[in-house]
Amino acid sequence: MPQQDKITIYWLAHSRAQRIVWLLEELGLDYNLHMEDRVQMVRAPESYKKYHPLGKTPVVHIEKPDGTVKVLAESGFIAQYLIEHYDTDGKFKPATEDDKDLIDYFNHYAEGTFQPLLVGLLVNQVAGKSVPFPVSSLVKLVTGKIDQGYYQPETEKNVKYINDFLKEQHAKGKKWIVGDKVSAADIMLSFPIQSVITSGRAGFAKPVEEAYPDMCQYFKDITSEPAWIRAAEKVKNYDHVVINGKL
């Protein structure tokens, strides 16, 4: 049956919206990709408040055949809604109840535990660049101490947790975080893992590829998937895309 709903995703570079583009490609859905430039490379443009009051991404608008529009925000909810309503072939249906529970856990973990640590590192980095010298030196000193005392060790603790979990999966001959196939957990974890690998903010003592090889292999597997590559190709002129584990 042809797709009747018109889907638009409001997208910004370096944002969590890209993993929703990946999901849309995995589901084989048609969609419109609305792109605008960030303000000072960090903030969303004021115009995005037209699409959702908070003016952030990702936001998805779904226009029904009768003209009504459903507005979706928050990555986890968007992924959940799209899978529940458009996964007609059961591609994302968990194989077991235990798999479902684990997928649900990682969906919440990605945004509730992992991502806030990376946001903290980003905010502190931006803070040091947002004020003039010599105040910037003091700001960098303070935020650096906060990062060293909390955000960096907590981030590394979580990266080790993910790496150890994936090491067990790889030992079983599995490449996904849960079970034998791509799931919503992979969609949700892809962005924070990409941030750790590509941003260099976590301040690890060793290169991430050396310290956490299973997580890096997992990310290479994700970014080698045909649907991921299709999604990356859609935005390559607007963002630094990762394909086969490399920018």
C-alpha atoms as a PDB file:
ATOM      1  CA  MET A   1       0.000   0.000   0.000  1.00  0.00           C
ATOM      2  CA  PRO A   2       1.468   3.387  -0.985  1.00  0.00           C
ATOM      3  CA  GLN A   3       2.501   5.684   1.842  1.00  0.00           C
ATOM      4  CA  GLN A   4      -0.276   8.199   2.458  1.00  0.00           C
ATOM      5  CA  ASP A   5       1.198  10.293   5.264  1.00  0.00           C
ATOM      6  CA  LYS A   6       3.571  13.112   4.338  1.00  0.00           C
ATOM      7  CA  ILE A   7       6.569  13.152   6.671  1.00  0.00           C
ATOM      8  CA  THR A   8       8.849  16.145   7.159  1.00  0.00           C
ATOM      9  CA  ILE A   9      11.875  16.124   9.447  1.00  0.00           C
ATOM     10  CA  TYR A  10      13.313  19.429  10.588  1.00  0.00           C
ATOM     11  CA  TRP A  11      17.049  18.907  10.660  1.00  0.00           C
ATOM     12  CA  LEU A  12      20.188  20.759  11.767  1.00  0.00           C
ATOM     13  CA  ALA A  13      23.844  19.888  11.297  1.00  0.00           C
ATOM     14  CA  HIS A  14      25.637  18.178  14.215  1.00  0.00           C
ATOM     15  CA  SER A  15      22.317  17.227  15.809  1.00  0.00           C
ATOM     16  CA  ARG A  16      20.426  14.199  16.989  1.00  0.00           C
ATOM     17  CA  ALA A  17      18.115  14.610  14.001  1.00  0.00           C
ATOM     18  CA  GLN A  18      20.458  12.579  11.788  1.00  0.00           C
ATOM     19  CA  ARG A  19      19.684   9.340  13.583  1.00  0.00           C
ATOM     20  CA  ILE A  20      16.002   9.886  12.751  1.00  0.00           C
ATOM     21  CA  VAL A  21      16.974  10.249   9.086  1.00  0.00           C
ATOM     22  CA  TRP A  22      18.742   6.897   9.444  1.00  0.00           C
ATOM     23  CA  LEU A  23      15.597   5.361  10.962  1.00  0.00           C
ATOM     24  CA  LEU A  24      13.418   6.726   8.147  1.00  0.00           C
ATOM     25  CA  GLU A  25      15.782   5.120   5.650  1.00  0.00           C
ATOM     26  CA  GLU A  26      15.696   1.815   7.548  1.00  0.00           C
ATOM     27  CA  LEU A  27      11.899   1.910   7.424  1.00  0.00           C
ATOM     28  CA  GLY A  28      11.910   2.697   3.709  1.00  0.00           C
ATOM     29  CA  LEU A  29       9.720   5.772   4.164  1.00  0.00           C
ATOM     30  CA  ASP A  30       9.443   8.798   1.904  1.00  0.00           C
ATOM     31  CA  TYR A  31      10.119  12.058   3.689  1.00  0.00           C
ATOM     32  CA  ASN A  32      11.008  15.702   3.206  1.00  0.00           C
ATOM     33  CA  LEU A  33      14.231  16.958   4.779  1.00  0.00           C
ATOM     34  CA  HIS A  34      14.001  20.578   5.924  1.00  0.00           C
ATOM     35  CA  MET A  35      17.435  22.138   6.550  1.00  0.00           C
ATOM     36  CA  GLU A  36      18.523  25.529   7.828  1.00  0.00           C
ATOM     37  CA  ASP A  37      21.835  26.853   9.089  1.00  0.00           C
ATOM     38  CA  ARG A  38      22.702  27.033  12.762  1.00  0.00           C
ATOM     39  CA  VAL A  39      23.383  30.350  14.447  1.00  0.00           C
ATOM     40  CA  GLN A  40      27.104  30.698  15.247  1.00  0.00           C
ATOM     41  CA  MET A  41      27.466  26.967  14.519  1.00  0.00           C
ATOM     42  CA  VAL A  42      25.765  26.112  17.825  1.00  0.00           C
ATOM     43  CA  ARG A  43      22.228  27.431  18.253  1.00  0.00           C
ATOM     44  CA  ALA A  44      19.111  26.557  16.283  1.00  0.00           C
ATOM     45  CA  PRO A  45      17.713  29.425  14.210  1.00  0.00           C
ATOM     46  CA  GLU A  46      14.777  31.344  15.655  1.00  0.00           C
ATOM     47  CA  SER A  47      12.657  30.156  12.729  1.00  0.00           C
ATOM     48  CA  TYR A  48      12.590  26.632  14.156  1.00  0.00           C
ATOM     49  CA  LYS A  49      10.132  27.808  16.800  1.00  0.00           C
ATOM     50  CA  LYS A  50       7.566  27.739  13.990  1.00  0.00           C
ATOM     51  CA  TYR A  51       7.871  23.966  13.902  1.00  0.00           C
ATOM     52  CA  HIS A  52       7.946  23.353  17.664  1.00  0.00           C
ATOM     53  CA  PRO A  53       7.768  25.845  20.561  1.00  0.00           C
ATOM     54  CA  LEU A  54      11.198  24.814  21.875  1.00  0.00           C
ATOM     55  CA  GLY A  55      12.824  25.442  18.512  1.00  0.00           C
ATOM     56  CA  LYS A  56      15.087  22.394  18.653  1.00  0.00           C
ATOM     57  CA  THR A  57      15.687  19.367  16.484  1.00  0.00           C
ATOM     58  CA  PRO A  58      14.731  16.734  15.693  1.00  0.00           C
ATOM     59  CA  VAL A  59      11.102  17.625  15.058  1.00  0.00           C
ATOM     60  CA  VAL A  60       8.915  15.559  12.743  1.00  0.00           C
ATOM     61  CA  HIS A  61       5.644  16.731  11.200  1.00  0.00           C
ATOM     62  CA  ILE A  62       3.307  14.069   9.850  1.00  0.00           C
ATOM     63  CA  GLU A  63       0.546  15.369   7.592  1.00  0.00           C
ATOM     64  CA  LYS A  64      -2.393  12.983   7.386  1.00  0.00           C
ATOM     65  CA  PRO A  65      -4.547  12.572   4.273  1.00  0.00           C
ATOM     66  CA  ASP A  66      -7.258  14.755   5.869  1.00  0.00           C
ATOM     67  CA  GLY A  67      -4.766  17.618   6.272  1.00  0.00           C
ATOM     68  CA  THR A  68      -4.217  17.339  10.017  1.00  0.00           C
ATOM     69  CA  VAL A  69      -0.610  17.510  11.182  1.00  0.00           C
ATOM     70  CA  LYS A  70       0.897  15.540  14.049  1.00  0.00           C
ATOM     71  CA  VAL A  71       3.984  17.165  15.574  1.00  0.00           C
ATOM     72  CA  LEU A  72       6.586  14.889  17.141  1.00  0.00           C
ATOM     73  CA  ALA A  73       9.589  15.959  19.226  1.00  0.00           C
ATOM     74  CA  GLU A  74      12.238  14.204  21.346  1.00  0.00           C
ATOM     75  CA  SER A  75      14.374  11.594  19.609  1.00  0.00           C
ATOM     76  CA  GLY A  76      13.243   8.666  21.723  1.00  0.00           C
ATOM     77  CA  PHE A  77       9.563   9.402  21.264  1.00  0.00           C
ATOM     78  CA  ILE A  78       9.994  10.037  17.534  1.00  0.00           C
ATOM     79  CA  ALA A  79      11.779   6.703  17.084  1.00  0.00           C
ATOM     80  CA  GLN A  80       9.137   4.912  19.138  1.00  0.00           C
ATOM     81  CA  TYR A  81       6.257   6.491  17.188  1.00  0.00           C
ATOM     82  CA  LEU A  82       7.750   5.831  13.756  1.00  0.00           C
ATOM     83  CA  ILE A  83       8.454   2.195  14.552  1.00  0.00           C
ATOM     84  CA  GLU A  84       5.032   1.607  16.110  1.00  0.00           C
ATOM     85  CA  HIS A  85       3.148   3.191  13.205  1.00  0.00           C
ATOM     86  CA  TYR A  86       5.266   2.508  10.113  1.00  0.00           C
ATOM     87  CA  ASP A  87       7.242  -0.704  10.696  1.00  0.00           C
ATOM     88  CA  THR A  88       4.733  -2.714   8.702  1.00  0.00           C
ATOM     89  CA  ASP A  89       7.199  -5.545   8.005  1.00  0.00           C
ATOM     90  CA  GLY A  90       8.203  -6.006  11.650  1.00  0.00           C
ATOM     91  CA  LYS A  91      11.844  -5.166  10.937  1.00  0.00           C
ATOM     92  CA  PHE A  92      12.220  -3.593  14.381  1.00  0.00           C
ATOM     93  CA  LYS A  93      10.046  -6.041  16.286  1.00  0.00           C
ATOM     94  CA  PRO A  94      12.106  -7.531  19.152  1.00  0.00           C
ATOM     95  CA  ALA A  95      12.663 -11.259  18.914  1.00  0.00           C
ATOM     96  CA  THR A  96      11.902 -11.850  22.595  1.00  0.00           C
ATOM     97  CA  GLU A  97      10.402 -10.068  25.590  1.00  0.00           C
ATOM     98  CA  ASP A  98      13.868  -9.831  27.125  1.00  0.00           C
ATOM     99  CA  ASP A  99      15.136  -8.134  23.964  1.00  0.00           C
ATOM    100  CA  LYS A 100      12.243  -5.669  24.153  1.00  0.00           C
ATOM    101  CA  ASP A 101      13.084  -4.791  27.742  1.00  0.00           C
ATOM    102  CA  LEU A 102      16.747  -4.284  26.877  1.00  0.00           C
ATOM    103  CA  ILE A 103      15.904  -2.118  23.876  1.00  0.00           C
ATOM    104  CA  ASP A 104      13.603   0.018  26.002  1.00  0.00           C
ATOM    105  CA  TYR A 105      16.348   0.337  28.609  1.00  0.00           C
ATOM    106  CA  PHE A 106      18.953   1.530  26.108  1.00  0.00           C
ATOM    107  CA  ASN A 107      16.458   3.959  24.570  1.00  0.00           C
ATOM    108  CA  HIS A 108      16.103   5.679  27.937  1.00  0.00           C
ATOM    109  CA  TYR A 109      19.766   5.252  28.838  1.00  0.00           C
ATOM    110  CA  ALA A 110      20.967   6.984  25.669  1.00  0.00           C
ATOM    111  CA  GLU A 111      19.172  10.237  26.480  1.00  0.00           C
ATOM    112  CA  GLY A 112      18.829   9.951  30.249  1.00  0.00           C
ATOM    113  CA  THR A 113      22.396   9.019  31.226  1.00  0.00           C
ATOM    114  CA  PHE A 114      24.848   9.048  28.313  1.00  0.00           C
ATOM    115  CA  GLN A 115      23.869  12.138  26.312  1.00  0.00           C
ATOM    116  CA  PRO A 116      23.699  14.627  29.241  1.00  0.00           C
ATOM    117  CA  LEU A 117      27.371  13.975  29.986  1.00  0.00           C
ATOM    118  CA  LEU A 118      28.317  14.864  26.421  1.00  0.00           C
ATOM    119  CA  VAL A 119      26.120  17.954  26.510  1.00  0.00           C
ATOM    120  CA  GLY A 120      27.934  19.059  29.658  1.00  0.00           C
ATOM    121  CA  LEU A 121      31.302  18.703  27.924  1.00  0.00           C
ATOM    122  CA  LEU A 122      30.006  20.641  24.915  1.00  0.00           C
ATOM    123  CA  VAL A 123      28.537  23.468  27.005  1.00  0.00           C
ATOM    124  CA  ASN A 124      31.779  23.873  28.929  1.00  0.00           C
ATOM    125  CA  GLN A 125      33.760  23.941  25.702  1.00  0.00           C
ATOM    126  CA  VAL A 126      31.483  26.600  24.212  1.00  0.00           C
ATOM    127  CA  ALA A 127      31.545  28.631  27.442  1.00  0.00           C
ATOM    128  CA  GLY A 128      35.287  29.156  27.157  1.00  0.00           C
ATOM    129  CA  LYS A 129      34.890  30.513  23.641  1.00  0.00           C
ATOM    130  CA  SER A 130      31.904  32.748  24.346  1.00  0.00           C
ATOM    131  CA  VAL A 131      33.576  35.431  26.463  1.00  0.00           C
ATOM    132  CA  PRO A 132      36.511  37.743  25.633  1.00  0.00           C
ATOM    133  CA  PHE A 133      40.050  37.488  26.947  1.00  0.00           C
ATOM    134  CA  PRO A 134      41.115  37.606  29.766  1.00  0.00           C
ATOM    135  CA  VAL A 135      37.796  36.419  31.247  1.00  0.00           C
ATOM    136  CA  SER A 136      37.908  33.441  28.890  1.00  0.00           C
ATOM    137  CA  SER A 137      41.035  32.154  30.638  1.00  0.00           C
ATOM    138  CA  LEU A 138      39.234  32.054  33.965  1.00  0.00           C
ATOM    139  CA  VAL A 139      36.164  30.421  32.432  1.00  0.00           C
ATOM    140  CA  LYS A 140      38.310  27.752  30.767  1.00  0.00           C
ATOM    141  CA  LEU A 141      40.113  27.101  34.049  1.00  0.00           C
ATOM    142  CA  VAL A 142      36.830  26.614  35.940  1.00  0.00           C
ATOM    143  CA  THR A 143      35.083  24.529  33.269  1.00  0.00           C
ATOM    144  CA  GLY A 144      38.244  22.464  32.809  1.00  0.00           C
ATOM    145  CA  LYS A 145      38.213  21.569  36.495  1.00  0.00           C
ATOM    146  CA  ILE A 146      34.531  20.614  36.255  1.00  0.00           C
ATOM    147  CA  ASP A 147      35.224  18.433  33.237  1.00  0.00           C
ATOM    148  CA  GLN A 148      38.192  16.726  34.904  1.00  0.00           C
ATOM    149  CA  GLY A 149      36.326  16.213  38.164  1.00  0.00           C
ATOM    150  CA  TYR A 150      33.018  14.999  36.800  1.00  0.00           C
ATOM    151  CA  TYR A 151      32.105  15.000  33.110  1.00  0.00           C
ATOM    152  CA  GLN A 152      35.184  13.278  31.709  1.00  0.00           C
ATOM    153  CA  PRO A 153      35.440  10.437  34.268  1.00  0.00           C
ATOM    154  CA  GLU A 154      31.676   9.847  34.130  1.00  0.00           C
ATOM    155  CA  THR A 155      31.773   9.785  30.328  1.00  0.00           C
ATOM    156  CA  GLU A 156      34.624   7.294  30.355  1.00  0.00           C
ATOM    157  CA  LYS A 157      32.782   5.108  32.861  1.00  0.00           C
ATOM    158  CA  ASN A 158      29.812   4.972  30.508  1.00  0.00           C
ATOM    159  CA  VAL A 159      31.955   4.362  27.439  1.00  0.00           C
ATOM    160  CA  LYS A 160      33.598   1.441  29.215  1.00  0.00           C
ATOM    161  CA  TYR A 161      30.138   0.116  30.101  1.00  0.00           C
ATOM    162  CA  ILE A 162      29.041   0.265  26.460  1.00  0.00           C
ATOM    163  CA  ASN A 163      32.310  -1.218  25.233  1.00  0.00           C
ATOM    164  CA  ASP A 164      32.108  -4.120  27.708  1.00  0.00           C
ATOM    165  CA  PHE A 165      28.511  -4.799  26.715  1.00  0.00           C
ATOM    166  CA  LEU A 166      29.437  -4.845  23.041  1.00  0.00           C
ATOM    167  CA  LYS A 167      32.450  -7.051  23.755  1.00  0.00           C
ATOM    168  CA  GLU A 168      30.051  -9.679  25.089  1.00  0.00           C
ATOM    169  CA  GLN A 169      27.873  -9.299  21.991  1.00  0.00           C
ATOM    170  CA  HIS A 170      30.865  -9.659  19.685  1.00  0.00           C
ATOM    171  CA  ALA A 171      31.976 -12.780  21.564  1.00  0.00           C
ATOM    172  CA  LYS A 172      28.584 -14.280  20.676  1.00  0.00           C
ATOM    173  CA  GLY A 173      29.057 -13.379  17.005  1.00  0.00           C
ATOM    174  CA  LYS A 174      26.525 -10.530  17.178  1.00  0.00           C
ATOM    175  CA  LYS A 175      27.196  -7.010  15.899  1.00  0.00           C
ATOM    176  CA  TRP A 176      24.132  -5.171  17.262  1.00  0.00           C
ATOM    177  CA  ILE A 177      23.594  -3.944  20.807  1.00  0.00           C
ATOM    178  CA  VAL A 178      20.545  -6.196  21.321  1.00  0.00           C
ATOM    179  CA  GLY A 179      19.820  -9.500  19.623  1.00  0.00           C
ATOM    180  CA  ASP A 180      20.660 -10.279  16.003  1.00  0.00           C
ATOM    181  CA  LYS A 181      19.327  -7.231  14.164  1.00  0.00           C
ATOM    182  CA  VAL A 182      19.207  -3.460  14.186  1.00  0.00           C
ATOM    183  CA  SER A 183      16.863  -2.021  16.796  1.00  0.00           C
ATOM    184  CA  ALA A 184      15.731   1.301  18.202  1.00  0.00           C
ATOM    185  CA  ALA A 185      18.569   0.962  20.722  1.00  0.00           C
ATOM    186  CA  ASP A 186      21.124   1.170  17.910  1.00  0.00           C
ATOM    187  CA  ILE A 187      19.352   4.208  16.464  1.00  0.00           C
ATOM    188  CA  MET A 188      19.414   6.000  19.812  1.00  0.00           C
ATOM    189  CA  LEU A 189      22.973   5.067  20.806  1.00  0.00           C
ATOM    190  CA  SER A 190      24.466   5.999  17.444  1.00  0.00           C
ATOM    191  CA  PHE A 191      24.606   9.729  18.173  1.00  0.00           C
ATOM    192  CA  PRO A 192      26.309   9.738  21.589  1.00  0.00           C
ATOM    193  CA  ILE A 193      28.761   7.082  20.414  1.00  0.00           C
ATOM    194  CA  GLN A 194      29.558   9.129  17.324  1.00  0.00           C
ATOM    195  CA  SER A 195      30.084  12.187  19.539  1.00  0.00           C
ATOM    196  CA  VAL A 196      32.574  10.310  21.720  1.00  0.00           C
ATOM    197  CA  ILE A 197      34.521   8.943  18.774  1.00  0.00           C
ATOM    198  CA  THR A 198      34.635  12.054  16.589  1.00  0.00           C
ATOM    199  CA  SER A 199      34.621  15.050  18.961  1.00  0.00           C
ATOM    200  CA  GLY A 200      37.627  14.305  21.184  1.00  0.00           C
ATOM    201  CA  ARG A 201      35.979  16.102  24.139  1.00  0.00           C
ATOM    202  CA  ALA A 202      36.022  13.144  26.520  1.00  0.00           C
ATOM    203  CA  GLY A 203      39.718  13.565  27.279  1.00  0.00           C
ATOM    204  CA  PHE A 204      40.651   9.869  27.357  1.00  0.00           C
ATOM    205  CA  ALA A 205      44.248   9.018  28.266  1.00  0.00           C
ATOM    206  CA  LYS A 206      44.515   6.677  25.266  1.00  0.00           C
ATOM    207  CA  PRO A 207      43.072   7.044  21.748  1.00  0.00           C
ATOM    208  CA  VAL A 208      39.462   5.859  21.789  1.00  0.00           C
ATOM    209  CA  GLU A 209      40.162   3.239  19.090  1.00  0.00           C
ATOM    210  CA  GLU A 210      42.846   1.703  21.282  1.00  0.00           C
ATOM    211  CA  ALA A 211      41.007   1.934  24.597  1.00  0.00           C
ATOM    212  CA  TYR A 212      37.537   0.885  23.394  1.00  0.00           C
ATOM    213  CA  PRO A 213      37.894  -1.243  20.250  1.00  0.00           C
ATOM    214  CA  ASP A 214      34.537  -3.000  20.504  1.00  0.00           C
ATOM    215  CA  MET A 215      32.610   0.266  20.590  1.00  0.00           C
ATOM    216  CA  CYS A 216      34.621   1.563  17.655  1.00  0.00           C
ATOM    217  CA  GLN A 217      33.993  -1.630  15.684  1.00  0.00           C
ATOM    218  CA  TYR A 218      30.290  -1.331  16.471  1.00  0.00           C
ATOM    219  CA  PHE A 219      30.262   2.243  15.185  1.00  0.00           C
ATOM    220  CA  LYS A 220      32.073   1.166  12.017  1.00  0.00           C
ATOM    221  CA  ASP A 221      29.433  -1.550  11.512  1.00  0.00           C
ATOM    222  CA  ILE A 222      26.611   0.967  11.994  1.00  0.00           C
ATOM    223  CA  THR A 223      28.110   3.470   9.592  1.00  0.00           C
ATOM    224  CA  SER A 224      28.640   0.791   6.951  1.00  0.00           C
ATOM    225  CA  GLU A 225      24.943  -0.094   6.815  1.00  0.00           C
ATOM    226  CA  PRO A 226      23.260   0.783   3.482  1.00  0.00           C
ATOM    227  CA  ALA A 227      20.482   2.774   5.188  1.00  0.00           C
ATOM    228  CA  TRP A 228      23.026   4.772   7.232  1.00  0.00           C
ATOM    229  CA  ILE A 229      24.998   5.551   4.068  1.00  0.00           C
ATOM    230  CA  ARG A 230      21.843   6.664   2.249  1.00  0.00           C
ATOM    231  CA  ALA A 231      20.998   8.945   5.170  1.00  0.00           C
ATOM    232  CA  ALA A 232      24.555  10.340   5.227  1.00  0.00           C
ATOM    233  CA  GLU A 233      24.477  11.018   1.499  1.00  0.00           C
ATOM    234  CA  LYS A 234      21.313  13.087   1.970  1.00  0.00           C
ATOM    235  CA  VAL A 235      23.150  15.582   4.206  1.00  0.00           C
ATOM    236  CA  LYS A 236      26.762  15.400   3.024  1.00  0.00           C
ATOM    237  CA  ASN A 237      26.661  18.969   1.669  1.00  0.00           C
ATOM    238  CA  TYR A 238      25.422  20.317   5.013  1.00  0.00           C
ATOM    239  CA  ASP A 239      27.245  18.272   7.644  1.00  0.00           C
ATOM    240  CA  HIS A 240      30.382  16.220   8.251  1.00  0.00           C
ATOM    241  CA  VAL A 241      29.105  12.714   7.617  1.00  0.00           C
ATOM    242  CA  VAL A 242      30.596   9.456   8.870  1.00  0.00           C
ATOM    243  CA  ILE A 243      30.702   6.471   6.511  1.00  0.00           C
ATOM    244  CA  ASN A 244      32.494   3.207   7.293  1.00  0.00           C
ATOM    245  CA  GLY A 245      33.570   4.677  10.630  1.00  0.00           C
ATOM    246  CA  LYS A 246      35.355   7.678   9.119  1.00  0.00           C
ATOM    247  CA  LEU A 247      34.494  11.352   8.667  1.00  0.00           C
END
